[in-house]
Amino acid sequence: MSRPRTEAEYLARLVPPSVAGVGRRSLLAGAGAGALLGTGLLAGCGSDSDSGSDSKTVSIGSNQSDPKPKEVIAKVMAGFQTASGIEPKINTVDHNTFQENINNYLQGKPDDVFMWFAGYRMRFFAAKGLAGDLSDVWGKLSGYSDAFKKASTGDDGKQYFVPASYYPWAVFYRKSVWQQRGYQVPKTLDDLNTLGAQMKKDGLNPIAFADKDGWPAMGTFDILNLRINGYQFHVDLMAGKEAWTSDKVKKVFDTWNGLLPLHQADSLGRTWQEAAQSLQQKKSGMYLLGLFVAQQFSNEEQDDLDFFTFPEVDSTIGAKALDAPIDGYMMARKPKSEANAKKLLEYVGSKAAADITVKNDPSTLVANGGADTSGYTALQKKAAELVGSATEIAQFLDRDTRPDFASTVIIPALQQFIKNPKDIDGLLNSIENQKKSIFTS
């Protein structure tokens, strides 16, 4: 499977600059189809029983394990119970564990509803028959653009996903630190290198960095590939249509190699939260991450948080493309109670659910355009404008390619590069050989 060429057009128009109703946080990690059997880590509460159950409960598999998003999900589910009289039972699993075991989870007895991602990742499991058709739910939803509906549609034209939120990736920094030092937002890669060198002289880690969990470095690869080679090459590479051994991909890694000295050292032993804390503690000058970085800042400190889109590398390509992943919900192929599952999915796609999220989580942007976003922070408003002004939007590397390729090939390859960036040719030959095997299987 590959992403349709038209996806660039519709994702680029997910949110017009004048509208603040957009999308979300939660991370993504390594992948799914290669998970080990029998781990027991995603037990699930669902069954393969008849969907006509009159039970007043519904189970939800949640990957929102960090404290703030976990709290917000609990409030959304409490709102559903009040509105419907159906008791939601939340099965929360560590985010990375959820991703790594998703394939086995869905083939076993998953929860009635589970959290997942739009894009290739959603279509992959829908095509395998591991998700329930939500086309009738979409007939009852309002507040979504056609773009969101397309991002929720499988290869067969049916909807399998209800978007809750999405969030842009950008370079975050503390305004007070930059004002004190007189730093200026870099417009080009040369500017970024010059700024990084100055930050080093000033005793800062120029770029906070972490890759213990495997997925954060994907964001760096994505943005460099988008800046150096453009959106279409990026999605074609993710779909297995371009060679990893090409000069274009080599240039991405050569450029990244040049930036590595500016990155926080020992990244393979650090979580994204720890890297974010170095920014929060004013020990690092910048951090390329999603809007969820705000989770590591107090409400007062968030007023001091700002961002810019990664600077231009090639003037003919510009700096308008970005990663802005969409998060939401899917239904198991045979939920214990299909009626209750669909009631829950209607609710999480509603204005009411979006309003609860806006009131309780400053690190996300809601997907439902009908939500009351007057309570957005300045950071959220700026994030919505950034997404609205983008010319192309990618879903993040491990959502734009096959799950098994992302987890078993790309994660170890990027970590190997970070550990030893000298043998780029050997690394890319290895990726290409494994890609050929996976994409032809």
Protein backbone atom coordinates (compact mmCIF):
# COMPACT_ATOMS: atom_id res chain seq x y z
CA MET A 1 0.00 0.00 0.00
CA SER A 2 1.05 3.59 -0.50
CA ARG A 3 -0.31 6.96 0.41
CA PRO A 4 -2.45 8.59 -2.32
CA ARG A 5 -0.81 11.53 -4.03
CA THR A 6 -3.82 13.67 -3.17
CA GLU A 7 -3.15 13.26 0.55
CA ALA A 8 -0.68 16.14 0.42
CA GLU A 9 -3.41 18.42 -0.82
CA TYR A 10 -6.07 17.54 1.70
CA LEU A 11 -3.83 17.31 4.76
CA ALA A 12 -2.37 20.70 3.91
CA ARG A 13 -5.87 22.12 4.31
CA LEU A 14 -6.88 20.38 7.50
CA VAL A 15 -7.25 23.72 9.27
CA PRO A 16 -7.39 27.15 7.68
CA PRO A 17 -5.23 29.74 9.48
CA SER A 18 -8.34 31.48 10.80
CA VAL A 19 -9.69 28.38 12.52
CA ALA A 20 -8.24 27.09 15.77
CA GLY A 21 -10.04 23.74 15.80
CA VAL A 22 -7.36 21.18 15.20
CA GLY A 23 -5.36 18.43 16.54
CA ARG A 24 -3.17 16.63 19.16
CA ARG A 25 -0.38 15.09 21.04
CA SER A 26 0.40 11.57 22.04
CA LEU A 27 3.46 9.86 20.72
CA LEU A 28 3.88 7.08 18.40
CA ALA A 29 6.61 4.59 18.75
CA GLY A 30 8.02 1.73 17.00
CA ALA A 31 5.49 -0.43 15.44
CA GLY A 32 3.39 -3.36 15.77
CA ALA A 33 3.40 -6.07 13.19
CA GLY A 34 6.62 -7.55 14.51
CA ALA A 35 5.59 -7.74 18.19
CA LEU A 36 6.22 -10.93 20.11
CA LEU A 37 3.36 -13.31 20.83
CA GLY A 38 2.27 -14.12 24.32
CA THR A 39 3.57 -11.02 26.08
CA GLY A 40 0.31 -10.45 27.92
CA LEU A 41 1.05 -6.74 27.96
CA LEU A 42 -2.10 -5.77 26.08
CA ALA A 43 -4.67 -8.08 27.55
CA GLY A 44 -7.76 -6.26 26.33
CA CYS A 45 -11.26 -6.69 27.63
CA GLY A 46 -13.14 -7.49 24.44
CA SER A 47 -14.36 -10.79 23.12
CA ASP A 48 -15.56 -12.36 19.91
CA SER A 49 -19.09 -12.71 21.24
CA ASP A 50 -22.24 -11.52 19.52
CA SER A 51 -22.32 -7.76 18.94
CA GLY A 52 -25.87 -7.52 20.14
CA SER A 53 -24.93 -7.54 23.84
CA ASP A 54 -27.10 -5.29 26.05
CA SER A 55 -24.28 -4.73 28.55
CA LYS A 56 -24.01 -1.20 29.92
CA THR A 57 -20.24 -1.15 29.66
CA VAL A 58 -17.67 -0.53 26.93
CA SER A 59 -13.92 -1.13 27.11
CA ILE A 60 -11.26 1.22 25.77
CA GLY A 61 -7.64 0.34 25.05
CA SER A 62 -5.72 3.51 25.84
CA ASN A 63 -2.11 4.40 25.04
CA GLN A 64 -2.38 7.63 27.02
CA SER A 65 -0.11 6.58 29.88
CA ASP A 66 1.53 9.91 30.68
CA PRO A 67 -0.14 11.65 33.65
CA LYS A 68 -1.73 14.64 31.90
CA PRO A 69 -3.25 12.90 28.85
CA LYS A 70 -4.36 10.01 31.09
CA GLU A 71 -6.20 12.50 33.28
CA VAL A 72 -7.82 14.17 30.26
CA ILE A 73 -9.01 10.84 28.81
CA ALA A 74 -10.56 9.97 32.19
CA LYS A 75 -12.52 13.25 32.10
CA VAL A 76 -13.69 12.65 28.52
CA MET A 77 -14.85 9.15 29.46
CA ALA A 78 -16.63 10.49 32.54
CA GLY A 79 -18.47 12.89 30.23
CA PHE A 80 -19.49 9.94 28.06
CA GLN A 81 -20.82 8.00 31.03
CA THR A 82 -22.89 10.98 32.17
CA ALA A 83 -24.29 11.49 28.69
CA SER A 84 -25.01 7.84 27.87
CA GLY A 85 -25.34 5.88 31.09
CA ILE A 86 -22.77 3.42 29.70
CA GLU A 87 -19.75 2.72 31.91
CA PRO A 88 -16.40 3.08 30.09
CA LYS A 89 -13.67 0.75 31.31
CA ILE A 90 -10.26 2.15 30.41
CA ASN A 91 -7.39 -0.28 29.89
CA THR A 92 -4.32 2.00 29.98
CA VAL A 93 -1.02 0.58 28.72
CA ASP A 94 2.37 2.25 28.50
CA HIS A 95 2.51 4.11 25.19
CA ASN A 96 5.48 2.28 23.70
CA THR A 97 4.24 -1.12 24.88
CA PHE A 98 0.87 -0.42 23.26
CA GLN A 99 2.48 0.30 19.90
CA GLU A 100 4.89 -2.62 20.05
CA ASN A 101 2.13 -5.15 20.78
CA ILE A 102 -0.73 -3.73 18.73
CA ASN A 103 -0.73 -6.46 16.07
CA ASN A 104 -1.11 -9.32 18.55
CA TYR A 105 -3.58 -7.28 20.58
CA LEU A 106 -5.88 -6.79 17.59
CA GLN A 107 -5.66 -10.44 16.55
CA GLY A 108 -6.54 -11.62 20.07
CA LYS A 109 -9.42 -10.24 22.14
CA PRO A 110 -8.93 -6.48 22.06
CA ASP A 111 -10.97 -3.83 23.83
CA ASP A 112 -14.16 -2.69 22.11
CA VAL A 113 -12.54 0.62 21.17
CA PHE A 114 -8.83 1.41 21.01
CA MET A 115 -6.71 4.49 20.47
CA TRP A 116 -4.64 4.68 17.32
CA PHE A 117 -3.41 6.93 14.52
CA ALA A 118 -4.62 8.17 11.15
CA GLY A 119 -2.72 7.61 7.91
CA TYR A 120 -0.90 4.49 6.75
CA ARG A 121 -1.05 2.96 10.23
CA MET A 122 -4.85 3.08 10.28
CA ARG A 123 -5.22 1.82 6.70
CA PHE A 124 -2.76 -1.02 7.33
CA PHE A 125 -4.91 -2.62 10.06
CA ALA A 126 -8.18 -1.81 8.32
CA ALA A 127 -6.96 -3.62 5.19
CA LYS A 128 -6.04 -6.64 7.30
CA GLY A 129 -9.60 -6.84 8.63
CA LEU A 130 -8.51 -5.98 12.18
CA ALA A 131 -10.78 -2.96 12.61
CA GLY A 132 -14.51 -2.30 12.51
CA ASP A 133 -16.30 -0.23 9.86
CA LEU A 134 -17.33 3.18 11.28
CA SER A 135 -19.01 4.59 8.18
CA ASP A 136 -22.38 4.79 9.96
CA VAL A 137 -20.76 6.62 12.89
CA TRP A 138 -19.39 9.19 10.47
CA GLY A 139 -22.95 9.73 9.24
CA LYS A 140 -23.73 11.12 12.70
CA LEU A 141 -20.61 13.24 13.23
CA SER A 142 -20.37 16.98 12.61
CA GLY A 143 -17.63 19.56 12.92
CA TYR A 144 -15.07 17.74 10.76
CA SER A 145 -13.64 18.90 7.46
CA ASP A 146 -13.51 16.62 4.44
CA ALA A 147 -9.79 16.41 5.11
CA PHE A 148 -10.33 14.70 8.44
CA LYS A 149 -12.80 12.30 6.87
CA LYS A 150 -10.30 11.39 4.16
CA ALA A 151 -7.61 10.86 6.80
CA SER A 152 -10.04 8.42 8.49
CA THR A 153 -10.86 6.44 5.35
CA GLY A 154 -9.43 3.04 4.46
CA ASP A 155 -8.36 1.80 1.04
CA ASP A 156 -11.88 0.43 0.48
CA GLY A 157 -13.52 3.85 0.89
CA LYS A 158 -15.01 3.07 4.32
CA GLN A 159 -14.22 4.98 7.51
CA TYR A 160 -12.35 3.17 10.28
CA PHE A 161 -11.17 6.03 12.47
CA VAL A 162 -12.57 8.95 14.49
CA PRO A 163 -10.03 11.80 14.89
CA ALA A 164 -9.74 13.35 18.33
CA SER A 165 -6.77 15.63 17.95
CA TYR A 166 -3.47 16.34 16.26
CA TYR A 167 -0.37 18.38 16.86
CA PRO A 168 2.53 19.87 14.91
CA TRP A 169 6.19 19.09 15.33
CA ALA A 170 8.36 22.20 15.61
CA VAL A 171 11.47 23.54 17.33
CA PHE A 172 10.55 24.67 20.85
CA TYR A 173 12.45 27.12 23.05
CA ARG A 174 12.06 29.29 26.15
CA LYS A 175 11.50 32.95 25.30
CA SER A 176 13.24 34.20 28.45
CA VAL A 177 16.46 32.34 27.60
CA TRP A 178 16.49 33.65 24.05
CA GLN A 179 15.70 37.21 25.12
CA GLN A 180 18.45 37.13 27.73
CA ARG A 181 21.01 35.89 25.19
CA GLY A 182 19.76 37.88 22.21
CA TYR A 183 19.12 34.77 20.09
CA GLN A 184 17.18 35.14 16.84
CA VAL A 185 14.98 32.53 15.13
CA PRO A 186 17.07 30.84 12.40
CA LYS A 187 15.69 31.05 8.86
CA THR A 188 18.19 28.73 7.18
CA LEU A 189 20.31 25.72 8.09
CA ASP A 190 23.39 27.95 8.19
CA ASP A 191 21.61 30.20 10.67
CA LEU A 192 20.77 27.15 12.80
CA ASN A 193 24.40 26.02 12.84
CA THR A 194 25.58 29.50 13.77
CA LEU A 195 23.01 29.73 16.55
CA GLY A 196 23.95 26.29 17.84
CA ALA A 197 27.63 27.23 17.99
CA GLN A 198 26.77 30.33 20.01
CA MET A 199 24.62 28.32 22.41
CA LYS A 200 27.54 25.96 22.98
CA LYS A 201 29.76 28.94 23.86
CA ASP A 202 27.05 30.08 26.27
CA GLY A 203 27.11 26.72 28.08
CA LEU A 204 23.85 25.29 26.70
CA ASN A 205 23.03 22.06 24.94
CA PRO A 206 21.99 23.65 21.63
CA ILE A 207 19.40 20.95 20.77
CA ALA A 208 17.82 18.75 23.43
CA PHE A 209 17.67 15.19 22.12
CA ALA A 210 16.50 11.76 23.24
CA ASP A 211 15.98 8.44 21.49
CA LYS A 212 15.79 5.80 24.21
CA ASP A 213 12.30 4.86 23.04
CA GLY A 214 13.25 4.67 19.37
CA TRP A 215 10.68 6.98 17.80
CA PRO A 216 11.90 10.56 18.54
CA ALA A 217 14.78 10.43 16.03
CA MET A 218 12.20 9.68 13.33
CA GLY A 219 11.05 13.28 13.69
CA THR A 220 14.54 14.55 12.91
CA PHE A 221 14.80 12.30 9.85
CA ASP A 222 11.34 13.38 8.66
CA ILE A 223 11.97 17.10 8.84
CA LEU A 224 15.39 16.88 7.19
CA ASN A 225 14.03 14.72 4.37
CA LEU A 226 11.07 17.09 3.90
CA ARG A 227 13.40 20.12 3.82
CA ILE A 228 16.05 18.54 1.57
CA ASN A 229 13.97 16.40 -0.80
CA GLY A 230 10.41 17.66 -0.48
CA TYR A 231 7.13 16.08 0.58
CA GLN A 232 6.48 13.80 -2.39
CA PHE A 233 9.88 12.15 -2.22
CA HIS A 234 9.39 11.67 1.51
CA VAL A 235 6.04 9.87 1.24
CA ASP A 236 7.27 7.82 -1.72
CA LEU A 237 10.30 6.75 0.31
CA MET A 238 8.02 5.77 3.18
CA ALA A 239 5.85 3.75 0.77
CA GLY A 240 8.85 1.77 -0.46
CA LYS A 241 8.88 3.44 -3.87
CA GLU A 242 12.26 5.16 -3.57
CA ALA A 243 15.68 3.70 -2.78
CA TRP A 244 17.28 4.37 0.60
CA THR A 245 20.64 4.15 -1.15
CA SER A 246 19.88 7.16 -3.37
CA ASP A 247 22.01 10.29 -3.20
CA LYS A 248 18.96 12.15 -1.89
CA VAL A 249 18.76 10.00 1.23
CA LYS A 250 22.53 10.10 1.69
CA LYS A 251 22.31 13.88 1.74
CA VAL A 252 19.76 13.70 4.57
CA PHE A 253 22.12 11.63 6.72
CA ASP A 254 25.14 13.74 5.78
CA THR A 255 23.24 16.86 6.85
CA TRP A 256 22.10 15.19 10.07
CA ASN A 257 25.68 14.09 10.77
CA GLY A 258 26.71 17.74 10.57
CA LEU A 259 24.07 18.65 13.14
CA LEU A 260 24.82 15.83 15.61
CA PRO A 261 27.49 17.84 17.49
CA LEU A 262 24.74 20.32 18.39
CA HIS A 263 22.53 17.58 19.83
CA GLN A 264 22.45 16.66 23.49
CA ALA A 265 24.94 13.83 24.09
CA ASP A 266 24.07 10.26 25.19
CA SER A 267 20.60 10.46 23.65
CA LEU A 268 20.06 6.69 23.47
CA GLY A 269 19.86 6.55 27.26
CA ARG A 270 17.37 9.43 27.58
CA THR A 271 13.56 9.59 27.30
CA TRP A 272 11.80 12.45 25.54
CA GLN A 273 10.49 13.60 28.91
CA GLU A 274 14.03 13.91 30.26
CA ALA A 275 15.13 15.86 27.19
CA ALA A 276 12.12 18.15 27.58
CA GLN A 277 13.05 18.72 31.20
CA SER A 278 16.49 19.93 30.10
CA LEU A 279 14.67 22.59 28.04
CA GLN A 280 12.36 23.34 30.96
CA GLN A 281 15.39 23.71 33.27
CA LYS A 282 17.05 26.08 30.80
CA LYS A 283 19.95 23.69 30.19
CA SER A 284 19.09 23.24 26.50
CA GLY A 285 18.37 25.98 24.00
CA MET A 286 16.01 24.18 21.56
CA TYR A 287 14.06 20.95 21.16
CA LEU A 288 12.51 19.49 18.00
CA LEU A 289 9.37 17.68 19.20
CA GLY A 290 5.58 17.69 19.08
CA LEU A 291 3.36 20.15 20.90
CA PHE A 292 3.05 17.60 23.71
CA VAL A 293 6.40 18.92 24.97
CA ALA A 294 4.23 21.37 26.92
CA GLN A 295 3.31 18.52 29.28
CA GLN A 296 6.70 18.96 30.95
CA PHE A 297 6.08 22.63 31.76
CA SER A 298 3.92 24.15 34.50
CA ASN A 299 1.01 26.38 33.48
CA GLU A 300 3.09 29.45 34.31
CA GLU A 301 6.12 28.18 32.40
CA GLN A 302 4.03 27.51 29.30
CA ASP A 303 3.73 31.26 28.83
CA ASP A 304 7.51 31.23 28.35
CA LEU A 305 7.39 28.46 25.72
CA ASP A 306 7.52 29.31 22.03
CA PHE A 307 8.48 27.57 18.78
CA PHE A 308 9.46 27.98 15.16
CA THR A 309 9.22 25.62 12.21
CA PHE A 310 12.47 23.90 11.28
CA PRO A 311 14.43 26.27 9.01
CA GLU A 312 14.92 26.09 5.27
CA VAL A 313 17.66 23.88 3.84
CA ASP A 314 16.93 24.28 0.10
CA SER A 315 15.37 27.55 -1.05
CA THR A 316 13.61 25.78 -3.94
CA ILE A 317 11.79 23.54 -1.44
CA GLY A 318 11.28 26.00 1.40
CA ALA A 319 10.12 25.36 4.97
CA LYS A 320 6.36 24.92 4.72
CA ALA A 321 6.08 21.14 5.11
CA LEU A 322 5.86 19.55 8.54
CA ASP A 323 4.79 16.55 10.58
CA ALA A 324 1.35 16.95 12.18
CA PRO A 325 0.06 13.51 13.23
CA ILE A 326 -3.64 12.86 13.87
CA ASP A 327 -4.65 10.77 16.90
CA GLY A 328 -8.02 9.22 17.56
CA TYR A 329 -10.04 6.05 18.04
CA MET A 330 -10.85 2.84 16.18
CA MET A 331 -13.20 -0.06 16.86
CA ALA A 332 -12.25 -3.73 17.18
CA ARG A 333 -13.48 -5.98 14.38
CA LYS A 334 -15.80 -7.84 16.81
CA PRO A 335 -16.49 -5.69 19.86
CA LYS A 336 -18.33 -7.18 22.82
CA SER A 337 -21.06 -4.60 22.26
CA GLU A 338 -20.94 -2.92 18.87
CA ALA A 339 -23.81 -0.62 19.81
CA ASN A 340 -22.00 0.67 22.91
CA ALA A 341 -18.72 0.97 21.04
CA LYS A 342 -20.33 3.09 18.36
CA LYS A 343 -22.05 5.28 20.96
CA LEU A 344 -18.64 5.90 22.51
CA LEU A 345 -17.11 6.71 19.13
CA GLU A 346 -19.89 9.18 18.37
CA TYR A 347 -19.18 10.83 21.71
CA VAL A 348 -15.38 11.08 21.38
CA GLY A 349 -15.96 12.65 17.95
CA SER A 350 -18.40 15.21 19.35
CA LYS A 351 -18.07 18.88 20.25
CA ALA A 352 -18.75 17.98 23.89
CA ALA A 353 -15.71 15.69 24.09
CA ALA A 354 -13.53 18.22 22.28
CA ASP A 355 -14.61 20.97 24.70
CA ILE A 356 -13.56 18.82 27.66
CA THR A 357 -10.13 18.34 26.10
CA VAL A 358 -9.68 22.05 25.38
CA LYS A 359 -10.49 22.93 28.99
CA ASN A 360 -8.07 20.42 30.45
CA ASP A 361 -5.09 20.01 28.14
CA PRO A 362 -2.93 22.89 26.88
CA SER A 363 -0.59 20.47 25.08
CA THR A 364 -3.02 19.46 22.36
CA LEU A 365 -5.27 20.80 19.62
CA VAL A 366 -8.71 19.28 19.11
CA ALA A 367 -9.82 17.92 15.77
CA ASN A 368 -13.49 18.87 15.89
CA GLY A 369 -13.84 22.29 14.27
CA GLY A 370 -17.04 22.99 16.21
CA ALA A 371 -15.26 23.01 19.57
CA ASP A 372 -14.99 26.12 21.69
CA THR A 373 -11.33 27.00 21.32
CA SER A 374 -11.53 30.39 23.00
CA GLY A 375 -9.63 28.83 25.89
CA TYR A 376 -6.62 27.94 23.78
CA THR A 377 -3.32 29.26 25.09
CA ALA A 378 -1.15 31.48 22.91
CA LEU A 379 0.99 28.41 22.18
CA GLN A 380 -2.03 26.41 21.01
CA LYS A 381 -3.28 29.24 18.82
CA LYS A 382 0.13 29.60 17.20
CA ALA A 383 0.30 25.82 16.66
CA ALA A 384 -3.08 25.86 14.94
CA GLU A 385 -1.92 28.69 12.67
CA LEU A 386 1.28 26.80 11.82
CA VAL A 387 -0.66 23.74 10.70
CA GLY A 388 -3.09 25.91 8.76
CA SER A 389 -0.26 27.60 6.87
CA ALA A 390 1.59 24.39 5.96
CA THR A 391 1.73 23.44 2.29
CA GLU A 392 2.15 19.72 2.99
CA ILE A 393 1.65 17.68 6.14
CA ALA A 394 3.13 14.28 6.89
CA GLN A 395 1.82 11.93 9.57
CA PHE A 396 5.25 11.06 11.09
CA LEU A 397 7.58 8.33 9.86
CA ASP A 398 6.16 5.35 11.69
CA ARG A 399 2.62 6.29 10.67
CA ASP A 400 3.54 6.85 7.02
CA THR A 401 5.10 3.46 6.39
CA ARG A 402 4.54 -0.22 7.16
CA PRO A 403 4.53 -0.90 10.92
CA ASP A 404 6.99 -3.79 10.61
CA PHE A 405 9.42 -1.69 8.56
CA ALA A 406 9.30 1.15 11.08
CA SER A 407 9.86 -1.06 14.12
CA THR A 408 12.26 -3.72 12.94
CA VAL A 409 14.34 -1.71 10.47
CA ILE A 410 14.13 2.05 10.98
CA ILE A 411 14.30 2.25 14.77
CA PRO A 412 17.52 0.20 15.09
CA ALA A 413 18.99 1.85 11.98
CA LEU A 414 18.53 5.39 13.30
CA GLN A 415 19.88 4.40 16.69
CA GLN A 416 22.90 2.82 15.00
CA PHE A 417 23.43 6.05 13.04
CA ILE A 418 23.30 8.14 16.21
CA LYS A 419 25.79 5.77 17.86
CA ASN A 420 28.12 5.64 14.84
CA PRO A 421 27.38 8.12 12.03
CA LYS A 422 30.52 7.29 10.05
CA ASP A 423 29.26 4.39 7.90
CA ILE A 424 26.26 5.97 6.20
CA ASP A 425 26.66 3.91 3.01
CA GLY A 426 26.66 0.64 4.92
CA LEU A 427 23.66 1.71 6.97
CA LEU A 428 21.62 2.69 3.92
CA ASN A 429 22.50 -0.50 2.06
CA SER A 430 21.22 -2.48 5.03
CA ILE A 431 17.97 -0.47 5.18
CA GLU A 432 17.39 -0.88 1.44
CA ASN A 433 17.95 -4.63 1.51
CA GLN A 434 15.53 -5.09 4.38
CA LYS A 435 13.02 -2.74 2.75
CA LYS A 436 12.97 -4.85 -0.41
CA SER A 437 12.30 -7.98 1.61
CA ILE A 438 9.52 -6.41 3.69
CA PHE A 439 7.71 -4.50 0.96
CA THR A 440 7.62 -7.48 -1.36
CA SER A 441 6.34 -9.88 1.29
